[in-house]
Protein backbone atom coordinates (compact mmCIF):
# COMPACT_ATOMS: atom_id res chain seq x y z
CA MET A 1 -10.08 36.78 -30.27
CA LYS A 2 -8.39 39.50 -28.23
CA GLU A 3 -4.85 38.61 -27.18
CA ASN A 4 -4.73 40.61 -23.96
CA ILE A 5 -3.76 37.62 -21.79
CA MET A 6 -0.05 36.80 -21.77
CA CYS A 7 1.25 33.29 -21.07
CA SER A 8 4.72 32.42 -19.80
CA PHE A 9 5.98 28.99 -20.85
CA ILE A 10 8.65 27.62 -18.54
CA VAL A 11 10.97 25.09 -20.21
CA PRO A 12 13.83 23.65 -18.13
CA CYS A 13 16.43 21.85 -20.26
CA TYR A 14 19.19 19.38 -19.59
CA ASN A 15 20.81 17.60 -22.55
CA THR A 16 17.68 17.58 -24.70
CA ALA A 17 19.15 19.03 -27.89
CA VAL A 18 17.49 16.29 -29.96
CA TYR A 19 14.02 17.16 -28.67
CA LEU A 20 14.13 20.90 -27.92
CA PRO A 21 13.32 22.18 -31.45
CA LYS A 22 10.07 20.21 -31.60
CA CYS A 23 9.15 21.48 -28.14
CA LEU A 24 9.80 25.16 -28.97
CA ASN A 25 8.25 24.92 -32.43
CA SER A 26 5.03 23.60 -30.92
CA ILE A 27 4.71 26.90 -29.01
CA ILE A 28 5.89 29.17 -31.83
CA ARG A 29 3.25 27.78 -34.21
CA GLN A 30 0.37 28.55 -31.83
CA THR A 31 -2.38 30.70 -33.33
CA TYR A 32 -2.50 32.68 -30.08
CA LYS A 33 0.63 34.84 -30.13
CA ASN A 34 0.77 36.68 -26.78
CA TRP A 35 3.32 34.54 -24.96
CA GLU A 36 6.91 34.33 -23.79
CA ILE A 37 9.12 31.28 -23.45
CA ILE A 38 11.64 31.11 -20.62
CA VAL A 39 14.23 28.43 -21.32
CA ILE A 40 16.52 27.47 -18.46
CA ASN A 41 19.59 25.61 -19.65
CA ASP A 42 20.52 23.60 -16.56
CA GLY A 43 24.19 22.91 -17.26
CA SER A 44 23.68 20.88 -20.44
CA THR A 45 26.79 19.24 -21.88
CA ASP A 46 25.39 18.80 -25.41
CA ASN A 47 24.37 21.66 -27.72
CA THR A 48 21.05 22.37 -25.97
CA ALA A 49 22.20 25.89 -25.07
CA ASP A 50 23.25 26.69 -28.67
CA ILE A 51 19.84 25.64 -29.96
CA ALA A 52 18.01 27.66 -27.30
CA TYR A 53 20.04 30.82 -27.97
CA SER A 54 19.53 30.48 -31.73
CA TYR A 55 15.76 30.47 -31.18
CA ALA A 56 16.02 33.49 -28.86
CA LYS A 57 18.02 35.36 -31.49
CA ASN A 58 15.19 34.94 -33.99
CA ASP A 59 12.28 35.68 -31.62
CA ASN A 60 12.46 38.25 -28.82
CA ARG A 61 9.65 36.50 -26.96
CA ILE A 62 12.10 33.72 -26.12
CA LYS A 63 14.44 34.29 -23.19
CA VAL A 64 17.28 31.93 -22.30
CA PHE A 65 19.11 31.63 -18.99
CA SER A 66 22.02 29.27 -18.34
CA GLN A 67 23.15 27.97 -14.97
CA LYS A 68 25.30 25.22 -13.53
CA ASN A 69 23.47 21.91 -13.27
CA GLN A 70 21.22 22.23 -10.23
CA GLY A 71 18.19 20.15 -11.22
CA ALA A 72 14.69 20.85 -12.49
CA SER A 73 13.51 22.51 -9.27
CA ALA A 74 16.20 25.20 -9.30
CA ALA A 75 15.62 25.75 -13.03
CA ARG A 76 11.88 26.22 -12.52
CA ASN A 77 12.43 28.57 -9.58
CA LYS A 78 14.70 30.75 -11.69
CA ALA A 79 12.12 30.84 -14.47
CA LEU A 80 9.31 31.74 -12.07
CA GLU A 81 11.32 34.77 -10.95
CA ALA A 82 11.69 35.89 -14.56
CA ALA A 83 8.13 35.15 -15.74
CA ARG A 84 5.93 38.14 -16.56
CA GLY A 85 2.85 36.44 -17.99
CA ASP A 86 -0.67 36.39 -16.60
CA TYR A 87 -0.51 32.59 -16.75
CA ILE A 88 2.35 30.19 -16.03
CA ILE A 89 2.53 26.98 -18.08
CA PHE A 90 5.27 24.40 -17.54
CA LEU A 91 6.53 22.33 -20.46
CA ASP A 92 9.22 19.66 -20.37
CA SER A 93 11.77 20.13 -23.12
CA ASP A 94 11.24 16.66 -24.65
CA ASP A 95 7.45 17.10 -24.92
CA TRP A 96 5.24 19.27 -27.13
CA TYR A 97 1.70 20.51 -27.80
CA LYS A 98 -0.58 18.55 -30.09
CA ASP A 99 -2.12 21.28 -32.26
CA GLU A 100 -1.52 24.90 -33.19
CA ASN A 101 -4.69 26.09 -31.43
CA CYS A 102 -3.99 24.54 -28.01
CA LEU A 103 -3.12 27.85 -26.36
CA GLU A 104 -6.13 29.56 -27.91
CA GLN A 105 -8.35 26.85 -26.41
CA ILE A 106 -6.70 27.27 -23.00
CA ILE A 107 -7.36 31.02 -23.06
CA LYS A 108 -10.98 30.49 -24.14
CA THR A 109 -11.48 27.98 -21.33
CA SER A 110 -10.07 30.49 -18.85
CA ASP A 111 -12.95 32.83 -19.80
CA ASN A 112 -10.46 35.47 -20.88
CA GLY A 113 -8.37 35.23 -17.74
CA ASP A 114 -11.01 34.68 -15.06
CA ALA A 115 -9.84 31.18 -14.15
CA ASP A 116 -7.12 30.68 -11.56
CA ILE A 117 -6.24 27.34 -13.16
CA VAL A 118 -7.09 25.62 -16.44
CA VAL A 119 -6.50 21.84 -16.49
CA PHE A 120 -6.20 19.88 -19.73
CA ARG A 121 -5.72 16.30 -20.86
CA TYR A 122 -2.66 14.57 -22.31
CA GLN A 123 -1.53 11.65 -24.42
CA GLN A 124 1.48 9.44 -23.89
CA VAL A 125 3.57 9.18 -27.05
CA LEU A 126 6.28 6.67 -27.88
CA ASP A 127 7.42 8.76 -30.83
CA GLU A 128 5.99 11.39 -33.14
CA SER A 129 3.73 8.90 -34.93
CA HIS A 130 2.75 6.48 -32.16
CA LEU A 131 0.33 6.83 -29.27
CA CYS A 132 1.34 4.69 -26.32
CA LYS A 133 -2.16 4.95 -24.87
CA GLU A 134 -4.88 6.89 -26.59
CA GLU A 135 -5.87 9.40 -23.93
CA TYR A 136 -5.93 10.03 -20.20
CA LEU A 137 -8.32 11.84 -17.86
CA LEU A 138 -11.36 10.81 -19.91
CA TYR A 139 -13.63 11.51 -16.95
CA PHE A 140 -13.05 15.21 -17.69
CA GLU A 141 -15.89 14.97 -20.24
CA LYS A 142 -18.56 15.12 -17.53
CA MET A 143 -16.64 17.68 -15.47
CA ALA A 144 -15.77 20.27 -18.10
CA GLU A 145 -19.02 22.25 -18.01
CA PHE A 146 -18.59 23.30 -14.38
CA ILE A 147 -16.33 25.66 -12.42
CA TYR A 148 -14.58 24.32 -9.31
CA THR A 149 -12.55 25.43 -6.39
CA GLY A 150 -9.24 23.62 -6.10
CA GLU A 151 -10.62 21.68 -3.14
CA GLU A 152 -13.70 20.58 -5.10
CA TYR A 153 -11.60 19.54 -8.08
CA LEU A 154 -9.24 17.37 -6.03
CA GLN A 155 -12.16 15.79 -4.17
CA ILE A 156 -13.72 14.69 -7.47
CA VAL A 157 -10.63 13.52 -9.35
CA LEU A 158 -9.18 11.61 -6.40
CA SER A 159 -12.54 9.91 -5.90
CA LYS A 160 -12.53 8.86 -9.57
CA ASP A 161 -8.81 8.07 -9.83
CA GLU A 162 -7.04 6.70 -6.75
CA VAL A 163 -3.66 6.82 -8.49
CA TYR A 164 -4.13 10.36 -9.85
CA GLN A 165 -0.81 11.50 -11.29
CA TRP A 166 0.65 14.86 -10.26
CA TYR A 167 1.80 16.14 -13.66
CA LEU A 168 2.72 19.80 -13.41
CA CYS A 169 2.61 20.31 -17.17
CA LEU A 170 -1.16 19.75 -17.45
CA TYR A 171 -2.12 23.09 -15.94
CA ALA A 172 -2.15 26.77 -16.82
CA PHE A 173 -1.76 28.69 -13.52
CA LYS A 174 -2.48 32.32 -12.73
CA ARG A 175 0.96 33.72 -11.88
CA GLU A 176 -0.35 35.04 -8.55
CA LEU A 177 -0.78 31.46 -7.31
CA TRP A 178 3.03 31.23 -7.37
CA SER A 179 4.38 34.73 -6.83
CA GLY A 180 1.72 35.92 -4.40
CA ALA A 181 2.00 32.84 -2.21
CA HIS A 182 5.80 32.66 -2.43
CA VAL A 183 5.59 29.03 -3.52
CA PHE A 184 8.83 27.52 -4.79
CA PHE A 185 10.13 24.11 -5.73
CA ASP A 186 12.24 22.26 -3.17
CA THR A 187 15.76 22.15 -4.62
CA GLU A 188 16.78 19.35 -2.26
CA LEU A 189 14.52 16.86 -4.05
CA CYS A 190 15.80 14.57 -6.79
CA ALA A 191 12.31 13.25 -7.67
CA LEU A 192 8.59 13.87 -7.08
CA GLU A 193 9.03 17.64 -7.31
CA ASP A 194 5.59 17.88 -8.94
CA MET A 195 3.85 15.87 -6.23
CA ASP A 196 5.56 17.87 -3.52
CA ILE A 197 4.09 21.20 -4.63
CA LEU A 198 1.19 20.75 -7.06
CA TYR A 199 -1.61 19.91 -4.63
CA LYS A 200 -0.73 22.96 -2.51
CA VAL A 201 -1.07 25.28 -5.52
CA ILE A 202 -4.30 23.65 -6.72
CA LEU A 203 -5.85 24.11 -3.27
CA LYS A 204 -5.36 27.87 -3.58
CA ALA A 205 -7.61 28.07 -6.65
CA GLN A 206 -11.09 29.53 -6.31
CA ASN A 207 -11.90 29.26 -10.02
CA LEU A 208 -10.64 26.11 -11.75
CA ARG A 209 -11.84 25.15 -15.21
CA ILE A 210 -11.30 22.09 -17.37
CA LEU A 211 -10.39 21.89 -21.06
CA ASN A 212 -11.68 18.51 -22.16
CA ARG A 213 -9.24 17.75 -24.95
CA PRO A 214 -5.75 16.22 -25.21
CA VAL A 215 -3.36 19.16 -25.39
CA TYR A 216 -0.08 17.86 -24.03
CA GLN A 217 2.04 15.22 -25.77
CA TYR A 218 4.09 13.40 -23.14
CA ARG A 219 7.07 11.51 -24.54
CA VAL A 220 7.76 8.21 -22.80
CA ALA A 221 10.87 6.01 -22.87
CA ARG A 222 13.15 8.60 -24.43
CA GLU A 223 16.88 7.93 -24.41
CA GLY A 224 18.44 9.11 -21.15
CA ALA A 225 15.10 9.53 -19.38
CA LEU A 226 14.96 6.27 -17.45
CA THR A 227 14.88 6.74 -13.70
CA THR A 228 17.65 4.78 -12.01
CA ARG A 229 16.83 3.05 -8.77
CA THR A 230 19.07 4.53 -6.08
CA LYS A 231 19.10 4.62 -2.33
CA LYS A 232 18.89 8.42 -2.50
CA LEU A 233 15.77 8.17 -4.66
CA MET A 234 14.06 5.91 -2.10
CA HIS A 235 15.02 8.32 0.72
CA ASN A 236 13.64 11.19 -1.36
CA MET A 237 10.37 9.45 -2.18
CA LEU A 238 9.57 8.37 1.35
CA ALA A 239 10.38 11.86 2.64
CA VAL A 240 7.96 13.44 0.13
CA TYR A 241 5.18 10.99 0.99
CA ARG A 242 5.69 11.53 4.72
CA ASN A 243 5.94 15.32 4.48
CA ASN A 244 2.90 15.58 2.22
CA ILE A 245 0.77 13.54 4.61
CA ASN A 246 1.95 15.60 7.58
CA THR A 247 1.17 18.81 5.67
CA VAL A 248 -2.30 17.63 4.66
CA ASN A 249 -3.12 16.63 8.22
CA GLU A 250 -2.47 20.23 9.31
CA MET A 251 -4.54 21.79 6.53
CA ASN A 252 -7.92 23.38 7.00
CA ILE A 253 -9.71 21.24 4.41
CA ASN A 254 -12.52 18.73 4.74
CA GLU A 255 -11.73 15.34 6.23
CA ASP A 256 -12.83 13.35 3.18
CA LEU A 257 -10.36 15.20 1.00
CA LYS A 258 -7.61 14.65 3.57
CA LYS A 259 -8.25 10.90 3.38
CA LEU A 260 -8.19 10.92 -0.42
CA LEU A 261 -4.95 12.92 -0.60
CA ASN A 262 -3.23 10.85 2.04
CA SER A 263 -4.26 7.58 0.42
CA ASN A 264 -2.84 8.83 -2.89
CA PHE A 265 0.44 9.81 -1.23
CA SER A 266 0.67 6.50 0.65
CA ILE A 267 0.71 4.54 -2.64
CA GLY A 268 4.40 5.32 -3.06
CA TYR A 269 5.26 3.45 0.14
CA PHE A 270 4.01 0.22 -1.44
CA TRP A 271 5.95 0.97 -4.62
CA VAL A 272 9.19 1.26 -2.64
CA LEU A 273 8.36 -2.01 -0.87
CA ALA A 274 7.93 -3.72 -4.24
CA GLU A 275 11.21 -2.29 -5.59
CA ILE A 276 13.47 -3.08 -2.65
CA ASN A 277 14.69 -6.47 -3.86
CA TYR A 278 16.37 -4.86 -6.86
CA PHE A 279 19.01 -3.44 -4.50
CA ASP A 280 22.17 -5.06 -3.15
CA LYS A 281 22.25 -6.35 0.41
CA SER A 282 23.71 -3.27 2.14
CA ASP A 283 21.36 -0.81 0.44
CA LYS A 284 18.44 -3.16 0.99
CA THR A 285 19.07 -3.18 4.74
CA GLU A 286 19.05 0.62 4.88
CA ILE A 287 15.87 0.89 2.81
CA PHE A 288 14.12 -1.69 4.98
CA ASN A 289 15.05 0.46 7.97
CA LEU A 290 13.48 3.46 6.21
CA LEU A 291 10.33 1.47 5.51
CA ASN A 292 10.14 0.46 9.16
CA GLU A 293 10.56 4.07 10.26
CA ASN A 294 7.77 5.15 7.92
CA ARG A 295 5.52 2.15 8.47
CA ASN A 296 2.65 4.36 9.61
CA LEU A 297 2.26 5.58 5.98
CA MET A 298 0.50 2.28 5.25
CA ASN A 299 -2.27 3.25 7.64
CA TYR A 300 -3.46 5.93 5.20
CA ALA A 301 -4.09 3.47 2.37
CA THR A 302 -7.69 3.05 1.23
CA ARG A 303 -6.98 1.51 -2.18
CA LYS A 304 -8.04 -2.16 -2.00
CA LYS A 305 -4.78 -3.49 -3.39
CA ASN A 306 -2.72 -1.58 -0.83
CA VAL A 307 -5.03 -2.44 2.07
CA PHE A 308 -4.44 -6.10 1.16
CA ILE A 309 -0.65 -5.59 1.08
CA ARG A 310 -0.82 -3.85 4.46
CA ARG A 311 -2.54 -6.93 5.87
CA LEU A 312 0.19 -9.12 4.41
CA VAL A 313 2.84 -6.95 6.08
CA ASN A 314 1.06 -7.21 9.42
CA ILE A 315 0.93 -11.01 9.11
CA LEU A 316 4.17 -11.87 7.29
CA GLY A 317 6.38 -8.83 7.91
CA LEU A 318 8.06 -6.43 5.49
CA HIS A 319 10.77 -8.80 4.25
CA ILE A 320 8.54 -11.69 3.17
CA THR A 321 5.91 -9.35 1.71
CA ALA A 322 8.61 -7.57 -0.30
CA LYS A 323 9.79 -10.91 -1.74
CA LEU A 324 6.23 -11.85 -2.69
CA LEU A 325 5.67 -8.50 -4.42
CA PHE A 326 9.00 -8.78 -6.23
CA ALA A 327 8.13 -12.28 -7.50
CA TYR A 328 4.65 -11.17 -8.54
CA HIS A 329 5.94 -8.18 -10.52
CA LYS A 330 8.59 -10.30 -12.27
CA TRP A 331 5.88 -12.81 -13.21
CA ARG A 332 3.66 -10.07 -14.63
CA LYS A 333 6.48 -8.76 -16.81
CA LYS A 334 6.94 -12.14 -18.54
């Protein structure tokens, strides 16, 4: 096939020296060769930078930038400024691509660059030999033969999957969706950066196509990757949910899609409610205050489980409902 379409892989790195070679090698071995890799070393304290620069020395398609630790959002923004490809593809530095023809299949699915976005499936992997769960997004099988606008795509997937996950790395984006719209990651966020921006970019697509095969290998439970419960994280999460719902309510999209998006975003409120009893007393008081201030987020829930929890809150209050959820989750983990 002609290799006239160039792809820019964006790989932010922070202390992933153990995993980075497998990540980069999975791109280098692709049968489709018209690509560049932009590695952003985000203040790593291990030898991540040395590994990245050694790869760049041996392949001029690999570019490495180092900066003080500023987080994944700042790293991605820097890479977006440097990217020159027709398509932008994000890849976390501890993950990799399944086969050597993944990129070739993405380009074919794009119809030689006509698509604004190509979406593909993924597998969760405990290690290189073990699948955590076989595959995700299996409903893509019946969707893959059609072309969608971003609005149509979100309407369908959110109808099929109420807890649809906003994984940035499962998409190949036309660069214009980012550079032309001046879309950037919010550097103030410490979590949910993908959720904060992804739906806005998808909604800009007029030609979205689906590659119905597992391309991305998502490593779970790696050392150093566990998210620590912090008061700042809860602040961050509730702010993203609230801001997303406010943004959606102002959008010129159909009302059914607004309801689906807002219900998806409201799910996080119930997660925070279930997590609150892991905190000490002083932090718990502050987080309960945040939940009270954002109580209206529950009104957007349409998922049966969360509608039921909302009813419990209205009858029993936040504190008792939180204790019940905490006890239930501990029981389920036994």
